[in-house]
Amino acid sequence: MHAILEYTYVDDYLDRRDALRAAHLEKAWAAVGSGDLLLGGAVGDGPYTALLIFTGEDPLSAARAFAEADPYVTGGLVLSWEARPWTTVVGNSAATPVRP
């Protein structure tokens, strides 16, 4: 299983992110280094949302723990967040591959 963490940003996110961006990216790259985070980034042209994909032994817990301590969340840039399980079935990194 994988987990998806989705952020919804505040309207003035782009104006406010510089003060917290280095700390956020440091935390994200540390999660990559520990094997918990596969990919992350803003979605769309806004950006209004972001998606982060987690893996590992307990990706849902890792996603939740990441959000709870993320400077973007604690600093008020994230209006809301949701971590959901993602059952991956297609692709080289699928957790439960299903082939025809």
C-alpha atoms as a PDB file:
ATOM      1  CA  MET A   1       0.000   0.000   0.000  1.00  0.00           C
ATOM      2  CA  HIS A   2       0.954   3.593  -0.533  1.00  0.00           C
ATOM      3  CA  ALA A   3      -0.621   6.679   0.989  1.00  0.00           C
ATOM      4  CA  ILE A   4      -1.476  10.033  -0.516  1.00  0.00           C
ATOM      5  CA  LEU A   5      -1.272  13.196   1.525  1.00  0.00           C
ATOM      6  CA  GLU A   6      -3.221  16.081   0.011  1.00  0.00           C
ATOM      7  CA  TYR A   7      -2.818  19.679   1.114  1.00  0.00           C
ATOM      8  CA  THR A   8      -5.180  22.546   0.380  1.00  0.00           C
ATOM      9  CA  TYR A   9      -3.306  25.832   0.643  1.00  0.00           C
ATOM     10  CA  VAL A  10      -4.511  29.183   1.960  1.00  0.00           C
ATOM     11  CA  ASP A  11      -5.276  31.771  -0.714  1.00  0.00           C
ATOM     12  CA  ASP A  12      -2.109  33.810  -0.044  1.00  0.00           C
ATOM     13  CA  TYR A  13       0.182  30.752   0.061  1.00  0.00           C
ATOM     14  CA  LEU A  14       2.567  32.072  -2.595  1.00  0.00           C
ATOM     15  CA  ASP A  15       2.997  35.362  -0.736  1.00  0.00           C
ATOM     16  CA  ARG A  16       3.754  33.634   2.583  1.00  0.00           C
ATOM     17  CA  ARG A  17       5.687  30.456   1.735  1.00  0.00           C
ATOM     18  CA  ASP A  18       9.222  31.882   1.540  1.00  0.00           C
ATOM     19  CA  ALA A  19       9.561  32.084   5.332  1.00  0.00           C
ATOM     20  CA  LEU A  20       8.779  28.372   5.721  1.00  0.00           C
ATOM     21  CA  ARG A  21       9.917  26.818   2.453  1.00  0.00           C
ATOM     22  CA  ALA A  22      13.455  25.815   3.462  1.00  0.00           C
ATOM     23  CA  ALA A  23      12.223  24.054   6.624  1.00  0.00           C
ATOM     24  CA  HIS A  24       9.416  22.341   4.690  1.00  0.00           C
ATOM     25  CA  LEU A  25      11.790  21.121   1.977  1.00  0.00           C
ATOM     26  CA  GLU A  26      14.320  19.951   4.559  1.00  0.00           C
ATOM     27  CA  LYS A  27      11.622  17.853   6.230  1.00  0.00           C
ATOM     28  CA  ALA A  28      10.442  16.491   2.880  1.00  0.00           C
ATOM     29  CA  TRP A  29      13.943  15.510   1.732  1.00  0.00           C
ATOM     30  CA  ALA A  30      14.571  13.861   5.114  1.00  0.00           C
ATOM     31  CA  ALA A  31      11.411  11.784   4.538  1.00  0.00           C
ATOM     32  CA  VAL A  32      12.747  10.809   1.116  1.00  0.00           C
ATOM     33  CA  GLY A  33      16.039   9.816   2.727  1.00  0.00           C
ATOM     34  CA  SER A  34      14.281   7.608   5.276  1.00  0.00           C
ATOM     35  CA  GLY A  35      12.331   5.857   2.508  1.00  0.00           C
ATOM     36  CA  ASP A  36       8.915   7.200   3.525  1.00  0.00           C
ATOM     37  CA  LEU A  37       8.278   9.816   0.825  1.00  0.00           C
ATOM     38  CA  LEU A  38       8.381   8.960  -2.886  1.00  0.00           C
ATOM     39  CA  LEU A  39       7.217  12.184  -4.513  1.00  0.00           C
ATOM     40  CA  GLY A  40       5.681  15.485  -3.552  1.00  0.00           C
ATOM     41  CA  GLY A  41       4.780  18.798  -5.073  1.00  0.00           C
ATOM     42  CA  ALA A  42       2.198  21.407  -5.945  1.00  0.00           C
ATOM     43  CA  VAL A  43      -0.678  20.586  -8.280  1.00  0.00           C
ATOM     44  CA  GLY A  44      -1.892  22.975 -10.953  1.00  0.00           C
ATOM     45  CA  ASP A  45      -1.036  26.553 -11.747  1.00  0.00           C
ATOM     46  CA  GLY A  46      -2.275  28.064  -8.470  1.00  0.00           C
ATOM     47  CA  PRO A  47      -0.856  26.320  -6.639  1.00  0.00           C
ATOM     48  CA  TYR A  48      -3.922  25.572  -4.602  1.00  0.00           C
ATOM     49  CA  THR A  49      -3.152  21.997  -3.593  1.00  0.00           C
ATOM     50  CA  ALA A  50      -0.210  19.660  -3.210  1.00  0.00           C
ATOM     51  CA  LEU A  51       0.128  15.885  -3.262  1.00  0.00           C
ATOM     52  CA  LEU A  52       2.729  13.794  -1.476  1.00  0.00           C
ATOM     53  CA  ILE A  53       3.048  10.040  -2.008  1.00  0.00           C
ATOM     54  CA  PHE A  54       4.265   7.894   0.878  1.00  0.00           C
ATOM     55  CA  THR A  55       5.491   4.298   0.990  1.00  0.00           C
ATOM     56  CA  GLY A  56       7.182   1.999   3.476  1.00  0.00           C
ATOM     57  CA  GLU A  57       5.959  -0.194   6.306  1.00  0.00           C
ATOM     58  CA  ASP A  58       3.146   2.121   7.426  1.00  0.00           C
ATOM     59  CA  PRO A  59       2.707   4.830   4.794  1.00  0.00           C
ATOM     60  CA  LEU A  60      -0.561   6.165   6.183  1.00  0.00           C
ATOM     61  CA  SER A  61       0.969   6.796   9.608  1.00  0.00           C
ATOM     62  CA  ALA A  62       4.046   8.305   7.948  1.00  0.00           C
ATOM     63  CA  ALA A  63       1.862  10.683   5.931  1.00  0.00           C
ATOM     64  CA  ARG A  64      -0.096  11.766   8.990  1.00  0.00           C
ATOM     65  CA  ALA A  65       3.039  12.268  11.079  1.00  0.00           C
ATOM     66  CA  PHE A  66       4.611  14.274   8.273  1.00  0.00           C
ATOM     67  CA  ALA A  67       1.608  16.597   8.012  1.00  0.00           C
ATOM     68  CA  GLU A  68       1.300  17.102  11.754  1.00  0.00           C
ATOM     69  CA  ALA A  69       4.920  18.323  11.973  1.00  0.00           C
ATOM     70  CA  ASP A  70       5.262  20.028   8.576  1.00  0.00           C
ATOM     71  CA  PRO A  71       6.179  23.729   8.879  1.00  0.00           C
ATOM     72  CA  TYR A  72       3.657  24.506   6.132  1.00  0.00           C
ATOM     73  CA  VAL A  73       0.908  23.033   8.318  1.00  0.00           C
ATOM     74  CA  THR A  74       2.106  24.348  11.681  1.00  0.00           C
ATOM     75  CA  GLY A  75       2.847  27.730  10.094  1.00  0.00           C
ATOM     76  CA  GLY A  76      -0.677  28.155   8.743  1.00  0.00           C
ATOM     77  CA  LEU A  77      -0.054  27.779   4.999  1.00  0.00           C
ATOM     78  CA  VAL A  78      -2.186  24.640   4.761  1.00  0.00           C
ATOM     79  CA  LEU A  79      -5.900  25.255   5.119  1.00  0.00           C
ATOM     80  CA  SER A  80      -6.644  21.530   5.368  1.00  0.00           C
ATOM     81  CA  TRP A  81      -4.952  18.202   4.776  1.00  0.00           C
ATOM     82  CA  GLU A  82      -6.057  14.621   4.314  1.00  0.00           C
ATOM     83  CA  ALA A  83      -4.059  11.390   4.298  1.00  0.00           C
ATOM     84  CA  ARG A  84      -5.646   8.452   2.484  1.00  0.00           C
ATOM     85  CA  PRO A  85      -4.542   4.904   1.710  1.00  0.00           C
ATOM     86  CA  TRP A  86      -3.766   4.250  -1.938  1.00  0.00           C
ATOM     87  CA  THR A  87      -3.821   0.684  -3.198  1.00  0.00           C
ATOM     88  CA  THR A  88      -1.433   0.746  -6.135  1.00  0.00           C
ATOM     89  CA  VAL A  89      -1.838  -2.062  -8.679  1.00  0.00           C
ATOM     90  CA  VAL A  90      -0.066  -0.917 -11.857  1.00  0.00           C
ATOM     91  CA  GLY A  91       3.534   0.162 -12.294  1.00  0.00           C
ATOM     92  CA  ASN A  92       7.003  -0.954 -11.307  1.00  0.00           C
ATOM     93  CA  SER A  93       6.545   0.426  -7.782  1.00  0.00           C
ATOM     94  CA  ALA A  94       2.990  -0.870  -7.248  1.00  0.00           C
ATOM     95  CA  ALA A  95       2.517  -2.280  -3.762  1.00  0.00           C
ATOM     96  CA  THR A  96       0.096  -4.986  -4.955  1.00  0.00           C
ATOM     97  CA  PRO A  97       0.706  -5.504  -8.674  1.00  0.00           C
ATOM     98  CA  VAL A  98      -2.150  -6.954 -10.690  1.00  0.00           C
ATOM     99  CA  ARG A  99      -1.350  -8.094 -14.186  1.00  0.00           C
ATOM    100  CA  PRO A 100      -3.732  -9.342 -16.870  1.00  0.00           C
END
